[in-house]
């Protein structure tokens, strides 16, 4: 299903915090208040895509590829709450996105470094690749910027695994096969930001291949 943006208003955005201490948890103050924009939810194969684009008067204090959750209203006053999403644009037109894959059984890509046969689903430009620090750490390492490539999916599997093929771009640090907690953002043919997280690097060469792996290696 192609995502259809819905106009939203009175949107507050909060840093996402995983709380396992019991009780009500810590007090989290919003980083964006009373914003307006659009919210879209779409599906492709067994994946659900969430995108929130906002307009604010001042540049908010956001971190690229950090996690946030938003609450607001649609134009008719219906309240909504997003799942946690990654910040993909920290300007005064902030963007947030996330891809969630449903039904995650063991897959055919069952060895780190092996790349299963895959198909391309659509081109991406302006690709940024980061590796997130595992919780409870906050932050990330930039691996590739200004790359190009494609959204990809394995030819077989239930569900088909999705990921990104990245070509070119400027590389930083050391990208290796088996690297986990990878998040990738890029622009599709319509100029919309596409975000995919929880990826594993299967091939660090040219092109670099990243897929969502499920099962013993996830």
C-alpha atoms as a PDB file:
ATOM      1  CA  UNK A   1       0.000   0.000   0.000  1.00  0.00           C
ATOM      2  CA  UNK A   2       1.391   3.357  -1.036  1.00  0.00           C
ATOM      3  CA  UNK A   3       1.586   5.628   2.024  1.00  0.00           C
ATOM      4  CA  UNK A   4      -0.967   8.465   1.929  1.00  0.00           C
ATOM      5  CA  UNK A   5       0.141  11.458   4.035  1.00  0.00           C
ATOM      6  CA  UNK A   6      -2.470  12.727   6.485  1.00  0.00           C
ATOM      7  CA  UNK A   7      -2.302  16.291   7.766  1.00  0.00           C
ATOM      8  CA  UNK A   8      -1.642  16.478  11.513  1.00  0.00           C
ATOM      9  CA  UNK A   9      -1.530  19.245  14.132  1.00  0.00           C
ATOM     10  CA  UNK A  10      -0.656  19.891  17.784  1.00  0.00           C
ATOM     11  CA  UNK A  11       2.199  17.401  17.467  1.00  0.00           C
ATOM     12  CA  UNK A  12       4.607  16.971  20.382  1.00  0.00           C
ATOM     13  CA  UNK A  13       7.793  14.963  19.883  1.00  0.00           C
ATOM     14  CA  UNK A  14       9.596  13.269  22.787  1.00  0.00           C
ATOM     15  CA  UNK A  15      12.899  11.411  23.044  1.00  0.00           C
ATOM     16  CA  UNK A  16      12.198   7.687  23.203  1.00  0.00           C
ATOM     17  CA  UNK A  17      13.433   6.016  26.369  1.00  0.00           C
ATOM     18  CA  UNK A  18      13.206   2.290  27.103  1.00  0.00           C
ATOM     19  CA  UNK A  19      12.155   2.091  30.740  1.00  0.00           C
ATOM     20  CA  UNK A  20      12.467  -1.201  32.616  1.00  0.00           C
ATOM     21  CA  UNK A  21      12.632   0.109  36.174  1.00  0.00           C
ATOM     22  CA  UNK A  22       8.936  -0.201  37.057  1.00  0.00           C
ATOM     23  CA  UNK A  23       6.631   2.577  38.203  1.00  0.00           C
ATOM     24  CA  UNK A  24       5.826   5.561  36.001  1.00  0.00           C
ATOM     25  CA  UNK A  25       9.343   6.032  34.704  1.00  0.00           C
ATOM     26  CA  UNK A  26      11.300   9.251  34.210  1.00  0.00           C
ATOM     27  CA  UNK A  27       9.720  12.558  33.181  1.00  0.00           C
ATOM     28  CA  UNK A  28      10.441  13.160  29.491  1.00  0.00           C
ATOM     29  CA  UNK A  29      10.128  16.716  28.190  1.00  0.00           C
ATOM     30  CA  UNK A  30       9.175  17.320  24.552  1.00  0.00           C
ATOM     31  CA  UNK A  31      11.798  18.512  22.081  1.00  0.00           C
ATOM     32  CA  UNK A  32       9.064  19.769  19.717  1.00  0.00           C
ATOM     33  CA  UNK A  33       5.699  21.192  20.786  1.00  0.00           C
ATOM     34  CA  UNK A  34       2.547  22.121  18.865  1.00  0.00           C
ATOM     35  CA  UNK A  35       3.921  21.378  15.409  1.00  0.00           C
ATOM     36  CA  UNK A  36       1.951  20.639  12.254  1.00  0.00           C
ATOM     37  CA  UNK A  37       2.793  18.522   9.229  1.00  0.00           C
ATOM     38  CA  UNK A  38       1.958  15.135   7.718  1.00  0.00           C
ATOM     39  CA  UNK A  39       1.976  11.539   8.970  1.00  0.00           C
ATOM     40  CA  UNK A  40       1.974   8.553   6.624  1.00  0.00           C
ATOM     41  CA  UNK A  41       1.784   4.796   7.080  1.00  0.00           C
ATOM     42  CA  UNK A  42       2.388   2.415   4.171  1.00  0.00           C
ATOM     43  CA  UNK A  43       3.145  -1.257   3.557  1.00  0.00           C
ATOM     44  CA  UNK A  44       5.339  -3.235   1.158  1.00  0.00           C
ATOM     45  CA  UNK A  45       5.461  -7.035   1.216  1.00  0.00           C
ATOM     46  CA  UNK A  46       5.639  -7.740   4.991  1.00  0.00           C
ATOM     47  CA  UNK A  47       7.004  -4.353   6.043  1.00  0.00           C
ATOM     48  CA  UNK A  48       5.236  -1.288   7.429  1.00  0.00           C
ATOM     49  CA  UNK A  49       6.698   2.165   6.807  1.00  0.00           C
ATOM     50  CA  UNK A  50       6.051   5.125   9.130  1.00  0.00           C
ATOM     51  CA  UNK A  51       6.949   8.709   8.180  1.00  0.00           C
ATOM     52  CA  UNK A  52       6.320  11.948  10.046  1.00  0.00           C
ATOM     53  CA  UNK A  53       7.248  15.287   8.448  1.00  0.00           C
ATOM     54  CA  UNK A  54       6.833  18.469  10.512  1.00  0.00           C
ATOM     55  CA  UNK A  55       7.207  22.225  10.177  1.00  0.00           C
ATOM     56  CA  UNK A  56       8.520  24.221  13.148  1.00  0.00           C
ATOM     57  CA  UNK A  57       9.484  27.878  13.590  1.00  0.00           C
ATOM     58  CA  UNK A  58      12.865  27.198  15.204  1.00  0.00           C
ATOM     59  CA  UNK A  59      15.385  24.457  14.591  1.00  0.00           C
ATOM     60  CA  UNK A  60      14.795  21.840  17.318  1.00  0.00           C
ATOM     61  CA  UNK A  61      17.488  20.045  19.298  1.00  0.00           C
ATOM     62  CA  UNK A  62      17.355  16.680  17.568  1.00  0.00           C
ATOM     63  CA  UNK A  63      19.938  14.005  16.875  1.00  0.00           C
ATOM     64  CA  UNK A  64      20.111  12.341  13.465  1.00  0.00           C
ATOM     65  CA  UNK A  65      19.245   8.620  13.741  1.00  0.00           C
ATOM     66  CA  UNK A  66      18.186   9.026  17.387  1.00  0.00           C
ATOM     67  CA  UNK A  67      14.817   7.622  18.501  1.00  0.00           C
ATOM     68  CA  UNK A  68      11.718   9.725  19.120  1.00  0.00           C
ATOM     69  CA  UNK A  69       7.983   9.214  19.611  1.00  0.00           C
ATOM     70  CA  UNK A  70       5.268  11.692  18.632  1.00  0.00           C
ATOM     71  CA  UNK A  71       1.737  12.418  19.818  1.00  0.00           C
ATOM     72  CA  UNK A  72      -0.758  14.704  18.129  1.00  0.00           C
ATOM     73  CA  UNK A  73      -4.071  15.025  16.290  1.00  0.00           C
ATOM     74  CA  UNK A  74      -5.282  14.628  12.744  1.00  0.00           C
ATOM     75  CA  UNK A  75      -7.199  17.526  11.153  1.00  0.00           C
ATOM     76  CA  UNK A  76     -10.520  16.236  12.527  1.00  0.00           C
ATOM     77  CA  UNK A  77      -9.149  16.073  16.064  1.00  0.00           C
ATOM     78  CA  UNK A  78      -8.521  12.308  16.214  1.00  0.00           C
ATOM     79  CA  UNK A  79      -5.542  11.645  18.515  1.00  0.00           C
ATOM     80  CA  UNK A  80      -2.643   9.523  17.321  1.00  0.00           C
ATOM     81  CA  UNK A  81       0.618   8.227  18.741  1.00  0.00           C
ATOM     82  CA  UNK A  82       3.455   7.017  16.547  1.00  0.00           C
ATOM     83  CA  UNK A  83       5.705   4.051  17.268  1.00  0.00           C
ATOM     84  CA  UNK A  84       9.225   5.181  18.064  1.00  0.00           C
ATOM     85  CA  UNK A  85      10.930   6.473  14.939  1.00  0.00           C
ATOM     86  CA  UNK A  86      14.372   7.603  13.872  1.00  0.00           C
ATOM     87  CA  UNK A  87      15.073  11.276  13.197  1.00  0.00           C
ATOM     88  CA  UNK A  88      16.214  11.545   9.578  1.00  0.00           C
ATOM     89  CA  UNK A  89      16.248  15.345   9.234  1.00  0.00           C
ATOM     90  CA  UNK A  90      17.069  17.672  12.150  1.00  0.00           C
ATOM     91  CA  UNK A  91      16.338  21.013  10.420  1.00  0.00           C
ATOM     92  CA  UNK A  92      13.353  23.307  10.983  1.00  0.00           C
ATOM     93  CA  UNK A  93      11.466  20.844   8.766  1.00  0.00           C
ATOM     94  CA  UNK A  94      12.269  17.733  10.811  1.00  0.00           C
ATOM     95  CA  UNK A  95      11.548  14.267   9.458  1.00  0.00           C
ATOM     96  CA  UNK A  96      11.135  10.970  11.287  1.00  0.00           C
ATOM     97  CA  UNK A  97      10.774   7.456   9.919  1.00  0.00           C
ATOM     98  CA  UNK A  98      10.879   3.770  10.685  1.00  0.00           C
ATOM     99  CA  UNK A  99      10.330   0.431   8.945  1.00  0.00           C
ATOM    100  CA  UNK A 100       8.862  -2.496  10.894  1.00  0.00           C
ATOM    101  CA  UNK A 101       8.908  -6.003   9.394  1.00  0.00           C
ATOM    102  CA  UNK A 102       6.053  -8.274  10.471  1.00  0.00           C
ATOM    103  CA  UNK A 103       6.271 -12.002  11.216  1.00  0.00           C
ATOM    104  CA  UNK A 104       9.970 -12.548  11.716  1.00  0.00           C
ATOM    105  CA  UNK A 105      10.816 -16.280  11.522  1.00  0.00           C
ATOM    106  CA  UNK A 106      14.254 -17.670  10.778  1.00  0.00           C
ATOM    107  CA  UNK A 107      15.413 -16.722   7.317  1.00  0.00           C
ATOM    108  CA  UNK A 108      17.497 -18.244   4.578  1.00  0.00           C
ATOM    109  CA  UNK A 109      20.354 -15.799   5.235  1.00  0.00           C
ATOM    110  CA  UNK A 110      21.648 -17.871   8.106  1.00  0.00           C
ATOM    111  CA  UNK A 111      25.346 -17.139   7.981  1.00  0.00           C
ATOM    112  CA  UNK A 112      26.996 -13.780   8.494  1.00  0.00           C
ATOM    113  CA  UNK A 113      28.690 -12.674   5.287  1.00  0.00           C
ATOM    114  CA  UNK A 114      26.559 -14.782   2.896  1.00  0.00           C
ATOM    115  CA  UNK A 115      24.417 -12.702   0.566  1.00  0.00           C
ATOM    116  CA  UNK A 116      21.228 -14.445  -0.619  1.00  0.00           C
ATOM    117  CA  UNK A 117      19.876 -13.754  -4.124  1.00  0.00           C
ATOM    118  CA  UNK A 118      17.973 -10.496  -4.117  1.00  0.00           C
ATOM    119  CA  UNK A 119      15.922  -8.177  -6.299  1.00  0.00           C
ATOM    120  CA  UNK A 120      15.880  -4.373  -6.412  1.00  0.00           C
ATOM    121  CA  UNK A 121      12.630  -2.640  -5.459  1.00  0.00           C
ATOM    122  CA  UNK A 122      13.512   0.978  -6.131  1.00  0.00           C
ATOM    123  CA  UNK A 123      16.417   3.433  -6.326  1.00  0.00           C
ATOM    124  CA  UNK A 124      17.703   5.573  -3.473  1.00  0.00           C
ATOM    125  CA  UNK A 125      19.923   8.645  -3.502  1.00  0.00           C
ATOM    126  CA  UNK A 126      21.594  10.742  -0.784  1.00  0.00           C
ATOM    127  CA  UNK A 127      22.134   7.610   1.326  1.00  0.00           C
ATOM    128  CA  UNK A 128      23.536   7.869   4.852  1.00  0.00           C
ATOM    129  CA  UNK A 129      24.650   4.760   6.748  1.00  0.00           C
ATOM    130  CA  UNK A 130      25.262   4.754  10.515  1.00  0.00           C
ATOM    131  CA  UNK A 131      25.840   2.121  13.170  1.00  0.00           C
ATOM    132  CA  UNK A 132      23.938   2.752  16.392  1.00  0.00           C
ATOM    133  CA  UNK A 133      25.522   2.070  19.762  1.00  0.00           C
ATOM    134  CA  UNK A 134      23.653  -0.747  21.553  1.00  0.00           C
ATOM    135  CA  UNK A 135      21.403   0.333  24.486  1.00  0.00           C
ATOM    136  CA  UNK A 136      21.788   1.871  26.967  1.00  0.00           C
ATOM    137  CA  UNK A 137      24.419   3.899  25.086  1.00  0.00           C
ATOM    138  CA  UNK A 138      23.237   6.835  22.978  1.00  0.00           C
ATOM    139  CA  UNK A 139      24.811   7.823  19.698  1.00  0.00           C
ATOM    140  CA  UNK A 140      26.096   6.377  16.455  1.00  0.00           C
ATOM    141  CA  UNK A 141      29.088   6.017  14.153  1.00  0.00           C
ATOM    142  CA  UNK A 142      28.799   7.464  10.648  1.00  0.00           C
ATOM    143  CA  UNK A 143      29.893   4.852   8.088  1.00  0.00           C
ATOM    144  CA  UNK A 144      28.822   6.143   4.649  1.00  0.00           C
ATOM    145  CA  UNK A 145      27.349   9.409   3.417  1.00  0.00           C
ATOM    146  CA  UNK A 146      26.185  10.678   0.003  1.00  0.00           C
ATOM    147  CA  UNK A 147      25.853   7.164  -1.379  1.00  0.00           C
ATOM    148  CA  UNK A 148      23.374   5.854  -3.939  1.00  0.00           C
ATOM    149  CA  UNK A 149      21.771   2.467  -4.395  1.00  0.00           C
ATOM    150  CA  UNK A 150      18.538   0.535  -4.105  1.00  0.00           C
ATOM    151  CA  UNK A 151      16.005  -0.850  -1.695  1.00  0.00           C
ATOM    152  CA  UNK A 152      16.329  -4.623  -2.066  1.00  0.00           C
ATOM    153  CA  UNK A 153      14.529  -7.793  -0.987  1.00  0.00           C
ATOM    154  CA  UNK A 154      15.515 -11.452  -1.013  1.00  0.00           C
ATOM    155  CA  UNK A 155      14.003 -13.523  -3.810  1.00  0.00           C
ATOM    156  CA  UNK A 156      12.705 -16.166  -1.406  1.00  0.00           C
ATOM    157  CA  UNK A 157      11.762 -16.363   2.237  1.00  0.00           C
ATOM    158  CA  UNK A 158       8.749 -15.900   4.473  1.00  0.00           C
ATOM    159  CA  UNK A 159       8.793 -12.991   4.800  1.00  0.00           C
ATOM    160  CA  UNK A 160      11.190 -11.740   2.170  1.00  0.00           C
ATOM    161  CA  UNK A 161      14.043  -9.949   3.892  1.00  0.00           C
ATOM    162  CA  UNK A 162      14.409  -6.294   2.988  1.00  0.00           C
ATOM    163  CA  UNK A 163      17.469  -4.106   3.028  1.00  0.00           C
ATOM    164  CA  UNK A 164      19.602  -1.685   1.032  1.00  0.00           C
ATOM    165  CA  UNK A 165      22.340  -1.968  -1.579  1.00  0.00           C
ATOM    166  CA  UNK A 166      24.716   1.011  -1.245  1.00  0.00           C
ATOM    167  CA  UNK A 167      27.078   2.147  -3.987  1.00  0.00           C
ATOM    168  CA  UNK A 168      29.771   4.792  -3.811  1.00  0.00           C
ATOM    169  CA  UNK A 169      29.594   7.641  -1.313  1.00  0.00           C
ATOM    170  CA  UNK A 170      32.200   8.760   1.181  1.00  0.00           C
ATOM    171  CA  UNK A 171      33.205   6.098   3.714  1.00  0.00           C
ATOM    172  CA  UNK A 172      34.262   6.602   7.301  1.00  0.00           C
ATOM    173  CA  UNK A 173      35.771   4.160   9.775  1.00  0.00           C
ATOM    174  CA  UNK A 174      35.767   0.418   9.224  1.00  0.00           C
ATOM    175  CA  UNK A 175      32.700  -1.303   7.784  1.00  0.00           C
ATOM    176  CA  UNK A 176      32.850  -5.066   8.237  1.00  0.00           C
ATOM    177  CA  UNK A 177      30.667  -8.072   7.449  1.00  0.00           C
ATOM    178  CA  UNK A 178      28.467  -8.938  10.420  1.00  0.00           C
ATOM    179  CA  UNK A 179      28.199  -5.347  11.721  1.00  0.00           C
ATOM    180  CA  UNK A 180      24.793  -4.941  13.358  1.00  0.00           C
ATOM    181  CA  UNK A 181      22.497  -2.121  14.508  1.00  0.00           C
ATOM    182  CA  UNK A 182      22.858  -0.418  11.123  1.00  0.00           C
ATOM    183  CA  UNK A 183      20.408   2.335  10.152  1.00  0.00           C
ATOM    184  CA  UNK A 184      20.145   3.711   6.624  1.00  0.00           C
ATOM    185  CA  UNK A 185      18.285   6.720   5.266  1.00  0.00           C
ATOM    186  CA  UNK A 186      17.941   7.879   1.658  1.00  0.00           C
ATOM    187  CA  UNK A 187      15.641   9.621  -0.800  1.00  0.00           C
ATOM    188  CA  UNK A 188      13.359   7.654  -3.120  1.00  0.00           C
ATOM    189  CA  UNK A 189      12.273   8.694  -6.626  1.00  0.00           C
ATOM    190  CA  UNK A 190       9.579  10.958  -5.162  1.00  0.00           C
ATOM    191  CA  UNK A 191      12.090  12.779  -2.963  1.00  0.00           C
ATOM    192  CA  UNK A 192      10.681  11.199   0.205  1.00  0.00           C
ATOM    193  CA  UNK A 193      12.970   9.993   2.959  1.00  0.00           C
ATOM    194  CA  UNK A 194      13.140   6.216   3.381  1.00  0.00           C
ATOM    195  CA  UNK A 195      14.469   4.837   6.666  1.00  0.00           C
ATOM    196  CA  UNK A 196      15.456   1.259   7.456  1.00  0.00           C
ATOM    197  CA  UNK A 197      16.910   0.160  10.780  1.00  0.00           C
ATOM    198  CA  UNK A 198      18.067  -3.006  12.556  1.00  0.00           C
ATOM    199  CA  UNK A 199      20.146  -3.971   9.523  1.00  0.00           C
ATOM    200  CA  UNK A 200      23.186  -6.253   9.349  1.00  0.00           C
ATOM    201  CA  UNK A 201      26.047  -5.711   6.921  1.00  0.00           C
ATOM    202  CA  UNK A 202      26.445  -8.878   4.834  1.00  0.00           C
ATOM    203  CA  UNK A 203      29.007  -7.469   2.384  1.00  0.00           C
ATOM    204  CA  UNK A 204      31.110  -4.349   3.116  1.00  0.00           C
ATOM    205  CA  UNK A 205      32.547  -4.129  -0.395  1.00  0.00           C
ATOM    206  CA  UNK A 206      31.210  -2.339  -3.479  1.00  0.00           C
ATOM    207  CA  UNK A 207      28.273  -2.363  -3.444  1.00  0.00           C
ATOM    208  CA  UNK A 208      27.764  -2.781   0.297  1.00  0.00           C
ATOM    209  CA  UNK A 209      24.805  -5.023   1.155  1.00  0.00           C
ATOM    210  CA  UNK A 210      22.647  -4.608   4.259  1.00  0.00           C
ATOM    211  CA  UNK A 211      19.672  -6.819   5.200  1.00  0.00           C
ATOM    212  CA  UNK A 212      17.411  -7.332   8.169  1.00  0.00           C
ATOM    213  CA  UNK A 213      18.376 -10.774   9.475  1.00  0.00           C
ATOM    214  CA  UNK A 214      16.084 -12.775  11.736  1.00  0.00           C
ATOM    215  CA  UNK A 215      16.885 -15.797  13.800  1.00  0.00           C
ATOM    216  CA  UNK A 216      20.118 -16.819  15.527  1.00  0.00           C
ATOM    217  CA  UNK A 217      22.218 -13.990  14.093  1.00  0.00           C
ATOM    218  CA  UNK A 218      19.829 -11.136  14.893  1.00  0.00           C
END
